[in-house]
Amino acid sequence: MRRPLRFYDIAAGRAFVADQYQVVEVPSSRGAPVRLAVAKSPYTGNECYSFAPRRLEIKSATLNGYL
């Protein structure tokens, strides 16, 4: 199961959370590819983009590990 990400639909002016998205890599002006997540908006049906994390599953750590 993928981690839910927050997307923003500019046409509707509302944010939504989706766990069904595709990760695409887009070349940047500096040469390094940028990972973006693409999901369909439930409000307008438009494709919305959000920055995708490098690791889709983030494991939690206890507070004792930071002390």
N, C-alpha and C. Protein backbone atom coordinates (compact mmCIF):
# COMPACT_ATOMS: atom_id res chain seq x y z
N MET A 1 0.84 -1.18 0.00
CA MET A 1 0.00 0.00 0.00
C MET A 1 0.89 1.25 0.00
N ARG A 2 0.55 2.19 -0.81
CA ARG A 2 1.32 3.41 -0.91
C ARG A 2 0.94 4.40 0.17
N ARG A 3 1.89 5.26 0.46
CA ARG A 3 1.67 6.30 1.44
C ARG A 3 0.79 7.39 0.82
N PRO A 4 -0.26 7.84 1.49
CA PRO A 4 -1.11 8.90 0.94
C PRO A 4 -0.34 10.21 0.83
N LEU A 5 -0.54 10.92 -0.27
CA LEU A 5 0.09 12.21 -0.48
C LEU A 5 -0.98 13.28 -0.66
N ARG A 6 -0.62 14.51 -0.36
CA ARG A 6 -1.54 15.63 -0.50
C ARG A 6 -1.32 16.29 -1.85
N PHE A 7 -2.41 16.53 -2.57
CA PHE A 7 -2.39 17.20 -3.86
C PHE A 7 -3.27 18.43 -3.78
N TYR A 8 -3.05 19.39 -4.67
CA TYR A 8 -3.86 20.61 -4.70
C TYR A 8 -4.39 20.82 -6.12
N ASP A 9 -5.70 20.94 -6.24
CA ASP A 9 -6.34 21.19 -7.53
C ASP A 9 -6.53 22.70 -7.67
N ILE A 10 -5.79 23.31 -8.59
CA ILE A 10 -5.83 24.76 -8.77
C ILE A 10 -7.18 25.21 -9.31
N ALA A 11 -7.77 24.44 -10.24
CA ALA A 11 -9.05 24.83 -10.84
C ALA A 11 -10.17 24.84 -9.81
N ALA A 12 -10.17 23.87 -8.90
CA ALA A 12 -11.20 23.80 -7.87
C ALA A 12 -10.84 24.63 -6.65
N GLY A 13 -9.55 24.91 -6.46
CA GLY A 13 -9.12 25.66 -5.29
C GLY A 13 -9.18 24.86 -4.01
N ARG A 14 -9.06 23.54 -4.13
CA ARG A 14 -9.16 22.66 -2.96
C ARG A 14 -8.05 21.63 -2.97
N ALA A 15 -7.66 21.21 -1.80
CA ALA A 15 -6.65 20.16 -1.65
C ALA A 15 -7.35 18.83 -1.42
N PHE A 16 -6.67 17.73 -1.77
CA PHE A 16 -7.21 16.40 -1.52
C PHE A 16 -6.05 15.46 -1.25
N VAL A 17 -6.35 14.35 -0.62
CA VAL A 17 -5.36 13.33 -0.30
C VAL A 17 -5.67 12.10 -1.13
N ALA A 18 -4.64 11.52 -1.76
CA ALA A 18 -4.83 10.34 -2.60
C ALA A 18 -3.71 9.35 -2.35
N ASP A 19 -4.06 8.07 -2.37
CA ASP A 19 -3.04 7.03 -2.29
C ASP A 19 -2.91 6.28 -3.60
N GLN A 20 -3.69 6.65 -4.59
CA GLN A 20 -3.58 6.08 -5.92
C GLN A 20 -3.01 7.12 -6.86
N TYR A 21 -1.72 6.99 -7.14
CA TYR A 21 -1.02 7.94 -7.99
C TYR A 21 0.11 7.22 -8.71
N GLN A 22 0.66 7.86 -9.70
CA GLN A 22 1.80 7.33 -10.44
C GLN A 22 2.98 8.26 -10.23
N VAL A 23 4.16 7.68 -10.11
CA VAL A 23 5.37 8.46 -9.93
C VAL A 23 6.06 8.59 -11.28
N VAL A 24 6.35 9.82 -11.69
CA VAL A 24 7.03 10.08 -12.96
C VAL A 24 8.28 10.91 -12.67
N GLU A 25 9.27 10.79 -13.54
CA GLU A 25 10.48 11.58 -13.42
C GLU A 25 10.52 12.59 -14.57
N VAL A 26 10.71 13.85 -14.21
CA VAL A 26 10.73 14.94 -15.18
C VAL A 26 12.12 15.57 -15.13
N PRO A 27 12.77 15.78 -16.29
CA PRO A 27 14.10 16.40 -16.26
C PRO A 27 14.00 17.86 -15.82
N SER A 28 14.93 18.28 -14.99
CA SER A 28 14.94 19.66 -14.53
C SER A 28 15.94 20.46 -15.35
N SER A 29 15.99 21.75 -15.12
CA SER A 29 16.91 22.60 -15.86
C SER A 29 18.36 22.35 -15.46
N ARG A 30 18.57 21.78 -14.28
CA ARG A 30 19.93 21.50 -13.81
C ARG A 30 20.41 20.11 -14.22
N GLY A 31 19.57 19.34 -14.83
CA GLY A 31 19.97 18.04 -15.33
C GLY A 31 19.52 16.86 -14.49
N ALA A 32 19.37 17.05 -13.20
CA ALA A 32 18.94 15.95 -12.33
C ALA A 32 17.42 15.78 -12.44
N PRO A 33 16.95 14.55 -12.59
CA PRO A 33 15.49 14.36 -12.71
C PRO A 33 14.77 14.64 -11.39
N VAL A 34 13.56 15.15 -11.50
CA VAL A 34 12.71 15.44 -10.35
C VAL A 34 11.59 14.42 -10.34
N ARG A 35 11.34 13.80 -9.19
CA ARG A 35 10.27 12.81 -9.05
C ARG A 35 8.98 13.51 -8.64
N LEU A 36 7.93 13.33 -9.44
CA LEU A 36 6.63 13.91 -9.16
C LEU A 36 5.58 12.81 -9.11
N ALA A 37 4.59 13.00 -8.27
CA ALA A 37 3.45 12.09 -8.19
C ALA A 37 2.29 12.74 -8.93
N VAL A 38 1.56 11.95 -9.72
CA VAL A 38 0.45 12.45 -10.52
C VAL A 38 -0.81 11.71 -10.12
N ALA A 39 -1.87 12.46 -9.80
CA ALA A 39 -3.15 11.86 -9.42
C ALA A 39 -4.27 12.66 -10.07
N LYS A 40 -5.40 12.01 -10.29
CA LYS A 40 -6.59 12.68 -10.84
C LYS A 40 -7.37 13.32 -9.69
N SER A 41 -7.81 14.54 -9.93
CA SER A 41 -8.59 15.26 -8.92
C SER A 41 -10.01 14.70 -8.86
N PRO A 42 -10.55 14.47 -7.67
CA PRO A 42 -11.94 14.02 -7.57
C PRO A 42 -12.93 15.16 -7.85
N TYR A 43 -12.47 16.40 -7.85
CA TYR A 43 -13.34 17.54 -8.06
C TYR A 43 -13.52 17.89 -9.53
N THR A 44 -12.42 17.91 -10.30
CA THR A 44 -12.49 18.33 -11.70
C THR A 44 -12.04 17.26 -12.68
N GLY A 45 -11.34 16.24 -12.21
CA GLY A 45 -10.82 15.21 -13.10
C GLY A 45 -9.49 15.59 -13.74
N ASN A 46 -8.94 16.75 -13.39
CA ASN A 46 -7.65 17.18 -13.92
C ASN A 46 -6.51 16.42 -13.24
N GLU A 47 -5.38 16.33 -13.93
CA GLU A 47 -4.20 15.72 -13.33
C GLU A 47 -3.54 16.75 -12.43
N CYS A 48 -3.22 16.35 -11.21
CA CYS A 48 -2.57 17.22 -10.25
C CYS A 48 -1.22 16.60 -9.88
N TYR A 49 -0.23 17.46 -9.66
CA TYR A 49 1.12 17.01 -9.37
C TYR A 49 1.52 17.37 -7.95
N SER A 50 2.35 16.53 -7.37
CA SER A 50 2.91 16.76 -6.05
C SER A 50 4.31 16.16 -6.04
N PHE A 51 5.19 16.69 -5.20
CA PHE A 51 6.53 16.13 -5.10
C PHE A 51 6.45 14.76 -4.45
N ALA A 52 7.09 13.77 -5.05
CA ALA A 52 7.09 12.41 -4.53
C ALA A 52 8.32 12.21 -3.66
N PRO A 53 8.16 11.59 -2.51
CA PRO A 53 9.33 11.31 -1.67
C PRO A 53 10.20 10.23 -2.30
N ARG A 54 11.46 10.22 -1.94
CA ARG A 54 12.38 9.20 -2.47
C ARG A 54 11.95 7.82 -2.00
N ARG A 55 11.62 7.71 -0.72
CA ARG A 55 11.14 6.44 -0.17
C ARG A 55 9.64 6.57 0.04
N LEU A 56 8.87 5.71 -0.62
CA LEU A 56 7.42 5.79 -0.51
C LEU A 56 6.92 5.29 0.84
N GLU A 57 7.66 4.41 1.47
CA GLU A 57 7.28 3.90 2.79
C GLU A 57 8.29 4.40 3.81
N ILE A 58 7.84 5.20 4.76
CA ILE A 58 8.73 5.73 5.79
C ILE A 58 8.44 5.00 7.09
N LYS A 59 9.48 4.40 7.63
CA LYS A 59 9.32 3.65 8.88
C LYS A 59 9.41 4.62 10.05
N SER A 60 8.60 4.37 11.06
CA SER A 60 8.61 5.24 12.23
C SER A 60 9.70 4.80 13.20
N ALA A 61 10.19 5.76 13.94
CA ALA A 61 11.23 5.49 14.94
C ALA A 61 10.72 5.98 16.29
N THR A 62 11.23 5.39 17.34
CA THR A 62 10.83 5.83 18.68
C THR A 62 11.59 7.08 19.04
N LEU A 63 11.09 7.80 20.02
CA LEU A 63 11.76 9.02 20.47
C LEU A 63 13.08 8.70 21.16
N ASN A 64 13.24 7.51 21.71
CA ASN A 64 14.49 7.14 22.37
C ASN A 64 15.65 7.11 21.39
N GLY A 65 15.38 6.89 20.14
CA GLY A 65 16.43 6.86 19.14
C GLY A 65 17.04 8.22 18.89
N TYR A 66 16.30 9.29 19.21
CA TYR A 66 16.80 10.65 19.01
C TYR A 66 17.43 11.25 20.25
N LEU A 67 17.23 10.64 21.40
CA LEU A 67 17.75 11.21 22.65
C LEU A 67 19.15 10.74 22.94
